[in-house]
Structures are given as structure tokens and as C-alpha cells.
């Protein structure tokens, strides 16, 4: 489902933000393929957003994407001229589709992984960065070291990214639908406070939803006029 929100201010430059639910979280087996895919898409000067939407087409002052480790959500942020809103939005989705379909070069995948690995390595030079990395993992109950994270990143292939996308679509179109139906059927049994089937179905549904899998959440236009 697509939701659009527009906010207006008396300024010259607009902001276009697009939020997606990826239906994964940091403990999910899909997380590191997702992180690498996001790096190809919009995380750094090597990315498709930077090189195509910003540099080649000049549709944005900046364009980047990031993954929220806690929710698995992906946020695209860009600065645009008002007249370029539709073109910029459309081109962002073109680049996203390219990643989803594997239409990117092997060299772009290598650059994306090297960027992430080098970012993790720089954390060794910053006590604060190390604290943040391990505190985040404590909060999400994910027992992984920087070295292990880098190995997972290095192991991601283009085929892994494709399989990740297919699994996300399955979770969105099948798993979520089944969870909603299970809640609906259990609710029909009567007293929900004593209905074990309802509670179990509700937990499955919430577990699926809380991992923010698969469907696009919305487009948020912060277009100031």
C-alpha cells in the first residue's frame, strides 16, 4: 500500500523521502543480503542513486538510502527541486528495480561490499562506534562481532540478493495474508480473552508485521513551497 504525505514550507529546495518495509530485521538470514543490496542501491558514492539519479541525471542535490537495524525499514532521502519531483521519484524506483532484478555490474557489487566492510573496520578506531555497534546488538539480542559481520557481507552474491527479494515477496504476498486470515478465523471463535487460537494467530501476525517485511510503506514528500 502506498501512502503519500506532503508538507509545505516557504523555502526553495524540496525534500523527497521514501520509506519501505523490508520485512526483515538484523537477526534475519536475509539481513546481510539486504544490507549489501542497499549499499548497491544508495549507500555511498559508489551507489546507483548517487551515480545515476544525482550525477548523470542531475535530478537530486543528494540521494541516499539506509537500513534501520532495529526495524529493517529502508529510507531513501533526497534533496530536489520542486519541478523534478515526479522525475526524481520515478528514477529512484527505476534504480531500486535494477537492484531487485540484479541489473547491476559485478564491479558495483564489489564496491558496495568493500564500502560496508571498510566502514566496519573504521569502527576499531573509534571507541564510540564500537560501543554503538555492540550496544545495538545487545538491544536486538544479536550476538555477532564486527569480524563475523564482515564475513557475512563479503559472502553475499548477486544470487543471494535475488533470493532475498523473492523471499520478501513471498512473505508479503503469502505469509502476511495467511497470518491475517488466521487472525480473522480465530477472532470468529468468540471470546478473544480466552481464545488461544486467536492469541497464537495474533502473535504470528505481529511477528510478521514487526519485522517490517516486504511491502512498500509510503512516500513522504517534504516539498516546501
C-alpha atoms as a PDB file:
ATOM      1  CA  UNK A   1       0.000   0.000   0.000  1.00  0.00           C
ATOM      2  CA  UNK A   2       1.234   3.443  -0.885  1.00  0.00           C
ATOM      3  CA  UNK A   3       0.776   6.416   1.398  1.00  0.00           C
ATOM      4  CA  UNK A   4       1.793   9.936   0.416  1.00  0.00           C
ATOM      5  CA  UNK A   5       2.252  12.822   2.840  1.00  0.00           C
ATOM      6  CA  UNK A   6       3.011  16.380   1.696  1.00  0.00           C
ATOM      7  CA  UNK A   7       4.273  19.179   3.917  1.00  0.00           C
ATOM      8  CA  UNK A   8       4.845  22.719   2.638  1.00  0.00           C
ATOM      9  CA  UNK A   9       7.202  25.457   3.789  1.00  0.00           C
ATOM     10  CA  UNK A  10       8.309  28.713   2.228  1.00  0.00           C
ATOM     11  CA  UNK A  11      11.761  27.559   1.058  1.00  0.00           C
ATOM     12  CA  UNK A  12      13.444  26.905  -2.278  1.00  0.00           C
ATOM     13  CA  UNK A  13      14.566  23.288  -2.008  1.00  0.00           C
ATOM     14  CA  UNK A  14      12.315  20.291  -1.501  1.00  0.00           C
ATOM     15  CA  UNK A  15      12.983  17.007   0.220  1.00  0.00           C
ATOM     16  CA  UNK A  16      11.737  13.702  -1.112  1.00  0.00           C
ATOM     17  CA  UNK A  17      11.785  10.792   1.330  1.00  0.00           C
ATOM     18  CA  UNK A  18      10.562   7.306   0.519  1.00  0.00           C
ATOM     19  CA  UNK A  19      10.081   4.684   3.212  1.00  0.00           C
ATOM     20  CA  UNK A  20       9.898   0.931   2.628  1.00  0.00           C
ATOM     21  CA  UNK A  21       9.094  -2.023   4.817  1.00  0.00           C
ATOM     22  CA  UNK A  22      11.586  -4.778   4.002  1.00  0.00           C
ATOM     23  CA  UNK A  23      10.069  -7.479   6.223  1.00  0.00           C
ATOM     24  CA  UNK A  24      13.460  -8.348   7.723  1.00  0.00           C
ATOM     25  CA  UNK A  25      15.388  -7.482  10.848  1.00  0.00           C
ATOM     26  CA  UNK A  26      19.025  -7.741  11.907  1.00  0.00           C
ATOM     27  CA  UNK A  27      18.647 -11.343  13.091  1.00  0.00           C
ATOM     28  CA  UNK A  28      17.036 -12.454   9.847  1.00  0.00           C
ATOM     29  CA  UNK A  29      19.051 -14.559   7.392  1.00  0.00           C
ATOM     30  CA  UNK A  30      18.067 -12.012   4.746  1.00  0.00           C
ATOM     31  CA  UNK A  31      19.579  -9.073   6.615  1.00  0.00           C
ATOM     32  CA  UNK A  32      23.075  -9.056   5.149  1.00  0.00           C
ATOM     33  CA  UNK A  33      21.923  -9.586   1.560  1.00  0.00           C
ATOM     34  CA  UNK A  34      19.567  -6.671   2.245  1.00  0.00           C
ATOM     35  CA  UNK A  35      22.377  -4.505   3.636  1.00  0.00           C
ATOM     36  CA  UNK A  36      24.547  -5.210   0.604  1.00  0.00           C
ATOM     37  CA  UNK A  37      21.636  -4.582  -1.769  1.00  0.00           C
ATOM     38  CA  UNK A  38      21.019  -1.268  -0.045  1.00  0.00           C
ATOM     39  CA  UNK A  39      24.685  -0.390  -0.448  1.00  0.00           C
ATOM     40  CA  UNK A  40      24.445  -1.040  -4.190  1.00  0.00           C
ATOM     41  CA  UNK A  41      21.237   0.991  -4.300  1.00  0.00           C
ATOM     42  CA  UNK A  42      22.001   4.096  -2.292  1.00  0.00           C
ATOM     43  CA  UNK A  43      24.678   3.839   0.391  1.00  0.00           C
ATOM     44  CA  UNK A  44      27.663   5.875  -0.731  1.00  0.00           C
ATOM     45  CA  UNK A  45      29.309   7.469  -3.744  1.00  0.00           C
ATOM     46  CA  UNK A  46      29.530   4.051  -5.451  1.00  0.00           C
ATOM     47  CA  UNK A  47      25.740   3.586  -5.418  1.00  0.00           C
ATOM     48  CA  UNK A  48      23.169   3.698  -8.205  1.00  0.00           C
ATOM     49  CA  UNK A  49      21.309   6.583  -6.604  1.00  0.00           C
ATOM     50  CA  UNK A  50      24.426   8.705  -6.375  1.00  0.00           C
ATOM     51  CA  UNK A  51      25.832   7.921  -9.810  1.00  0.00           C
ATOM     52  CA  UNK A  52      22.619   7.813 -11.819  1.00  0.00           C
ATOM     53  CA  UNK A  53      19.974   9.950 -10.129  1.00  0.00           C
ATOM     54  CA  UNK A  54      22.357  12.587  -8.797  1.00  0.00           C
ATOM     55  CA  UNK A  55      25.386  12.639 -11.094  1.00  0.00           C
ATOM     56  CA  UNK A  56      24.128  11.536 -14.524  1.00  0.00           C
ATOM     57  CA  UNK A  57      20.572  12.867 -14.462  1.00  0.00           C
ATOM     58  CA  UNK A  58      21.052  15.751 -12.011  1.00  0.00           C
ATOM     59  CA  UNK A  59      17.604  15.153 -10.519  1.00  0.00           C
ATOM     60  CA  UNK A  60      18.715  15.479  -6.893  1.00  0.00           C
ATOM     61  CA  UNK A  61      21.107  17.568  -4.869  1.00  0.00           C
ATOM     62  CA  UNK A  62      21.724  14.401  -2.888  1.00  0.00           C
ATOM     63  CA  UNK A  63      20.211  10.918  -2.845  1.00  0.00           C
ATOM     64  CA  UNK A  64      20.952   8.123  -0.403  1.00  0.00           C
ATOM     65  CA  UNK A  65      19.312   5.177   1.333  1.00  0.00           C
ATOM     66  CA  UNK A  66      19.841   3.453   4.654  1.00  0.00           C
ATOM     67  CA  UNK A  67      18.592   0.445   6.597  1.00  0.00           C
ATOM     68  CA  UNK A  68      17.279   0.673  10.157  1.00  0.00           C
ATOM     69  CA  UNK A  69      18.836  -2.248  12.032  1.00  0.00           C
ATOM     70  CA  UNK A  70      16.016  -2.360  14.583  1.00  0.00           C
ATOM     71  CA  UNK A  71      13.014  -2.333  12.250  1.00  0.00           C
ATOM     72  CA  UNK A  72      14.503  -3.414   8.925  1.00  0.00           C
ATOM     73  CA  UNK A  73      12.884  -0.425   7.257  1.00  0.00           C
ATOM     74  CA  UNK A  74      14.678   1.289   4.386  1.00  0.00           C
ATOM     75  CA  UNK A  75      14.572   5.058   3.980  1.00  0.00           C
ATOM     76  CA  UNK A  76      15.532   6.938   0.829  1.00  0.00           C
ATOM     77  CA  UNK A  77      16.368  10.596   1.388  1.00  0.00           C
ATOM     78  CA  UNK A  78      16.917  13.143  -1.363  1.00  0.00           C
ATOM     79  CA  UNK A  79      17.000  16.871  -1.961  1.00  0.00           C
ATOM     80  CA  UNK A  80      15.208  18.047  -5.102  1.00  0.00           C
ATOM     81  CA  UNK A  81      13.848  20.987  -6.981  1.00  0.00           C
ATOM     82  CA  UNK A  82      10.044  21.035  -6.915  1.00  0.00           C
ATOM     83  CA  UNK A  83       9.810  20.699 -10.702  1.00  0.00           C
ATOM     84  CA  UNK A  84      11.807  17.453 -10.576  1.00  0.00           C
ATOM     85  CA  UNK A  85       9.615  15.650  -8.058  1.00  0.00           C
ATOM     86  CA  UNK A  86       7.957  13.171 -10.430  1.00  0.00           C
ATOM     87  CA  UNK A  87      11.118  12.523 -12.443  1.00  0.00           C
ATOM     88  CA  UNK A  88      13.217  12.037  -9.338  1.00  0.00           C
ATOM     89  CA  UNK A  89      10.674   9.730  -7.709  1.00  0.00           C
ATOM     90  CA  UNK A  90      10.303   7.634 -10.862  1.00  0.00           C
ATOM     91  CA  UNK A  91      14.049   7.324 -11.328  1.00  0.00           C
ATOM     92  CA  UNK A  92      14.575   6.264  -7.721  1.00  0.00           C
ATOM     93  CA  UNK A  93      12.180   3.395  -8.334  1.00  0.00           C
ATOM     94  CA  UNK A  94      13.971   2.560 -11.593  1.00  0.00           C
ATOM     95  CA  UNK A  95      17.226   2.167  -9.680  1.00  0.00           C
ATOM     96  CA  UNK A  96      15.519   0.109  -6.973  1.00  0.00           C
ATOM     97  CA  UNK A  97      14.078  -2.218  -9.608  1.00  0.00           C
ATOM     98  CA  UNK A  98      17.555  -2.579 -11.111  1.00  0.00           C
ATOM     99  CA  UNK A  99      18.872  -3.847  -7.775  1.00  0.00           C
ATOM    100  CA  UNK A 100      15.886  -6.144  -7.242  1.00  0.00           C
ATOM    101  CA  UNK A 101      16.331  -7.638 -10.713  1.00  0.00           C
ATOM    102  CA  UNK A 102      20.096  -7.963 -10.476  1.00  0.00           C
ATOM    103  CA  UNK A 103      20.711  -5.379 -13.186  1.00  0.00           C
ATOM    104  CA  UNK A 104      23.968  -4.043 -11.819  1.00  0.00           C
ATOM    105  CA  UNK A 105      27.613  -4.762 -12.545  1.00  0.00           C
ATOM    106  CA  UNK A 106      29.810  -7.158 -10.611  1.00  0.00           C
ATOM    107  CA  UNK A 107      32.156  -4.240 -10.009  1.00  0.00           C
ATOM    108  CA  UNK A 108      29.277  -2.328  -8.373  1.00  0.00           C
ATOM    109  CA  UNK A 109      28.598  -5.269  -6.066  1.00  0.00           C
ATOM    110  CA  UNK A 110      32.282  -5.467  -5.128  1.00  0.00           C
ATOM    111  CA  UNK A 111      32.403  -1.732  -4.429  1.00  0.00           C
ATOM    112  CA  UNK A 112      29.253  -1.963  -2.316  1.00  0.00           C
ATOM    113  CA  UNK A 113      30.680  -4.730  -0.151  1.00  0.00           C
ATOM    114  CA  UNK A 114      34.075  -3.068   0.202  1.00  0.00           C
ATOM    115  CA  UNK A 115      32.362   0.130   1.330  1.00  0.00           C
ATOM    116  CA  UNK A 116      30.472  -1.681   4.098  1.00  0.00           C
ATOM    117  CA  UNK A 117      33.477  -3.700   5.232  1.00  0.00           C
ATOM    118  CA  UNK A 118      35.702  -0.621   5.362  1.00  0.00           C
ATOM    119  CA  UNK A 119      33.033   1.246   7.323  1.00  0.00           C
ATOM    120  CA  UNK A 120      33.010  -1.549   9.889  1.00  0.00           C
ATOM    121  CA  UNK A 121      36.799  -1.596  10.060  1.00  0.00           C
ATOM    122  CA  UNK A 122      36.928   2.117  10.841  1.00  0.00           C
ATOM    123  CA  UNK A 123      34.908   1.371  13.971  1.00  0.00           C
ATOM    124  CA  UNK A 124      38.085  -0.073  15.516  1.00  0.00           C
ATOM    125  CA  UNK A 125      39.483   3.463  15.542  1.00  0.00           C
ATOM    126  CA  UNK A 126      36.503   4.805  17.460  1.00  0.00           C
ATOM    127  CA  UNK A 127      35.549   3.554  20.937  1.00  0.00           C
ATOM    128  CA  UNK A 128      32.169   5.245  20.489  1.00  0.00           C
ATOM    129  CA  UNK A 129      31.492   3.423  17.212  1.00  0.00           C
ATOM    130  CA  UNK A 130      32.384   0.101  18.843  1.00  0.00           C
ATOM    131  CA  UNK A 131      30.078   0.835  21.771  1.00  0.00           C
ATOM    132  CA  UNK A 132      27.230   1.695  19.394  1.00  0.00           C
ATOM    133  CA  UNK A 133      27.727  -1.467  17.323  1.00  0.00           C
ATOM    134  CA  UNK A 134      27.697  -3.808  20.298  1.00  0.00           C
ATOM    135  CA  UNK A 135      25.011  -1.930  22.225  1.00  0.00           C
ATOM    136  CA  UNK A 136      22.699  -2.138  19.206  1.00  0.00           C
ATOM    137  CA  UNK A 137      23.318  -5.876  19.015  1.00  0.00           C
ATOM    138  CA  UNK A 138      22.604  -6.272  22.726  1.00  0.00           C
ATOM    139  CA  UNK A 139      19.319  -4.417  22.291  1.00  0.00           C
ATOM    140  CA  UNK A 140      18.217  -6.629  19.406  1.00  0.00           C
ATOM    141  CA  UNK A 141      19.725  -9.742  21.039  1.00  0.00           C
ATOM    142  CA  UNK A 142      22.010 -10.413  18.110  1.00  0.00           C
ATOM    143  CA  UNK A 143      25.324 -11.992  19.136  1.00  0.00           C
ATOM    144  CA  UNK A 144      27.678 -11.075  16.290  1.00  0.00           C
ATOM    145  CA  UNK A 145      31.115  -9.469  16.111  1.00  0.00           C
ATOM    146  CA  UNK A 146      32.382  -6.971  13.559  1.00  0.00           C
ATOM    147  CA  UNK A 147      34.582  -9.686  12.059  1.00  0.00           C
ATOM    148  CA  UNK A 148      31.608 -12.009  11.675  1.00  0.00           C
ATOM    149  CA  UNK A 149      29.519  -9.228  10.164  1.00  0.00           C
ATOM    150  CA  UNK A 150      32.235  -8.512   7.604  1.00  0.00           C
ATOM    151  CA  UNK A 151      32.426 -12.194   6.661  1.00  0.00           C
ATOM    152  CA  UNK A 152      28.684 -12.251   6.066  1.00  0.00           C
ATOM    153  CA  UNK A 153      28.926  -9.112   3.947  1.00  0.00           C
ATOM    154  CA  UNK A 154      31.822 -10.477   1.902  1.00  0.00           C
ATOM    155  CA  UNK A 155      29.934 -13.717   1.236  1.00  0.00           C
ATOM    156  CA  UNK A 156      26.852 -12.042  -0.314  1.00  0.00           C
ATOM    157  CA  UNK A 157      26.401 -12.759  -4.033  1.00  0.00           C
ATOM    158  CA  UNK A 158      24.122 -11.324  -6.671  1.00  0.00           C
ATOM    159  CA  UNK A 159      22.130 -14.548  -6.445  1.00  0.00           C
ATOM    160  CA  UNK A 160      21.710 -14.037  -2.678  1.00  0.00           C
ATOM    161  CA  UNK A 161      20.223 -10.609  -3.353  1.00  0.00           C
ATOM    162  CA  UNK A 162      17.806 -12.077  -5.888  1.00  0.00           C
ATOM    163  CA  UNK A 163      16.750 -14.830  -3.474  1.00  0.00           C
ATOM    164  CA  UNK A 164      16.310 -12.222  -0.735  1.00  0.00           C
ATOM    165  CA  UNK A 165      13.935 -10.256  -2.947  1.00  0.00           C
ATOM    166  CA  UNK A 166      11.958 -13.394  -3.821  1.00  0.00           C
ATOM    167  CA  UNK A 167      11.622 -14.316  -0.149  1.00  0.00           C
ATOM    168  CA  UNK A 168      10.476 -10.809   0.745  1.00  0.00           C
ATOM    169  CA  UNK A 169       7.783 -11.015  -1.925  1.00  0.00           C
ATOM    170  CA  UNK A 170       6.713 -14.415  -0.583  1.00  0.00           C
ATOM    171  CA  UNK A 171       6.461 -13.050   2.936  1.00  0.00           C
ATOM    172  CA  UNK A 172       4.455 -10.096   1.723  1.00  0.00           C
ATOM    173  CA  UNK A 173       2.064 -11.916  -0.570  1.00  0.00           C
ATOM    174  CA  UNK A 174       1.709 -15.283   1.195  1.00  0.00           C
ATOM    175  CA  UNK A 175       2.893 -15.231   4.816  1.00  0.00           C
ATOM    176  CA  UNK A 176       1.239 -11.934   5.676  1.00  0.00           C
ATOM    177  CA  UNK A 177      -2.006 -12.966   4.004  1.00  0.00           C
ATOM    178  CA  UNK A 178      -2.073 -16.286   5.867  1.00  0.00           C
ATOM    179  CA  UNK A 179      -1.402 -14.528   9.181  1.00  0.00           C
ATOM    180  CA  UNK A 180      -4.253 -12.097   8.584  1.00  0.00           C
ATOM    181  CA  UNK A 181      -6.608 -14.945   7.697  1.00  0.00           C
ATOM    182  CA  UNK A 182      -5.595 -16.876  10.803  1.00  0.00           C
ATOM    183  CA  UNK A 183      -6.377 -13.869  12.996  1.00  0.00           C
ATOM    184  CA  UNK A 184      -9.709 -13.404  11.238  1.00  0.00           C
ATOM    185  CA  UNK A 185     -10.702 -17.049  11.718  1.00  0.00           C
ATOM    186  CA  UNK A 186      -9.600 -17.123  15.352  1.00  0.00           C
ATOM    187  CA  UNK A 187     -11.471 -13.903  16.087  1.00  0.00           C
ATOM    188  CA  UNK A 188     -14.647 -15.512  14.786  1.00  0.00           C
ATOM    189  CA  UNK A 189     -14.472 -18.149  17.534  1.00  0.00           C
ATOM    190  CA  UNK A 190     -15.803 -15.739  20.129  1.00  0.00           C
ATOM    191  CA  UNK A 191     -14.307 -14.563  23.416  1.00  0.00           C
ATOM    192  CA  UNK A 192     -10.849 -13.335  22.436  1.00  0.00           C
ATOM    193  CA  UNK A 193      -9.614 -13.145  26.030  1.00  0.00           C
ATOM    194  CA  UNK A 194      -9.955 -16.942  26.341  1.00  0.00           C
ATOM    195  CA  UNK A 195      -9.225 -17.778  22.729  1.00  0.00           C
ATOM    196  CA  UNK A 196      -5.816 -19.453  22.480  1.00  0.00           C
ATOM    197  CA  UNK A 197      -6.046 -19.770  18.689  1.00  0.00           C
ATOM    198  CA  UNK A 198      -6.628 -16.047  18.386  1.00  0.00           C
ATOM    199  CA  UNK A 199      -3.678 -15.216  20.621  1.00  0.00           C
ATOM    200  CA  UNK A 200      -1.394 -17.542  18.666  1.00  0.00           C
ATOM    201  CA  UNK A 201      -2.559 -16.185  15.320  1.00  0.00           C
ATOM    202  CA  UNK A 202      -2.209 -12.616  16.550  1.00  0.00           C
ATOM    203  CA  UNK A 203       1.332 -13.306  17.704  1.00  0.00           C
ATOM    204  CA  UNK A 204       2.233 -14.757  14.300  1.00  0.00           C
ATOM    205  CA  UNK A 205       0.736 -11.752  12.551  1.00  0.00           C
ATOM    206  CA  UNK A 206       2.510  -9.269  14.822  1.00  0.00           C
ATOM    207  CA  UNK A 207       5.792 -11.136  14.429  1.00  0.00           C
ATOM    208  CA  UNK A 208       5.500 -10.886  10.677  1.00  0.00           C
ATOM    209  CA  UNK A 209       4.471  -7.229  10.778  1.00  0.00           C
ATOM    210  CA  UNK A 210       7.067  -6.182  13.348  1.00  0.00           C
ATOM    211  CA  UNK A 211       9.887  -7.406  11.134  1.00  0.00           C
ATOM    212  CA  UNK A 212       8.643  -4.946   8.531  1.00  0.00           C
ATOM    213  CA  UNK A 213       8.808  -7.383   5.666  1.00  0.00           C
ATOM    214  CA  UNK A 214       8.170  -6.746   2.024  1.00  0.00           C
ATOM    215  CA  UNK A 215       5.687  -4.113   1.180  1.00  0.00           C
ATOM    216  CA  UNK A 216       6.358  -0.535   0.400  1.00  0.00           C
ATOM    217  CA  UNK A 217       5.230   1.647   3.239  1.00  0.00           C
ATOM    218  CA  UNK A 218       4.937   5.023   1.615  1.00  0.00           C
ATOM    219  CA  UNK A 219       6.254   8.107   0.008  1.00  0.00           C
ATOM    220  CA  UNK A 220       6.745  11.145   2.143  1.00  0.00           C
ATOM    221  CA  UNK A 221       7.101  14.377   0.268  1.00  0.00           C
ATOM    222  CA  UNK A 222       8.503  17.224   2.244  1.00  0.00           C
ATOM    223  CA  UNK A 223       8.017  19.660  -0.610  1.00  0.00           C
ATOM    224  CA  UNK A 224       8.397  23.180   0.637  1.00  0.00           C
ATOM    225  CA  UNK A 225       6.841  25.973  -1.375  1.00  0.00           C
END
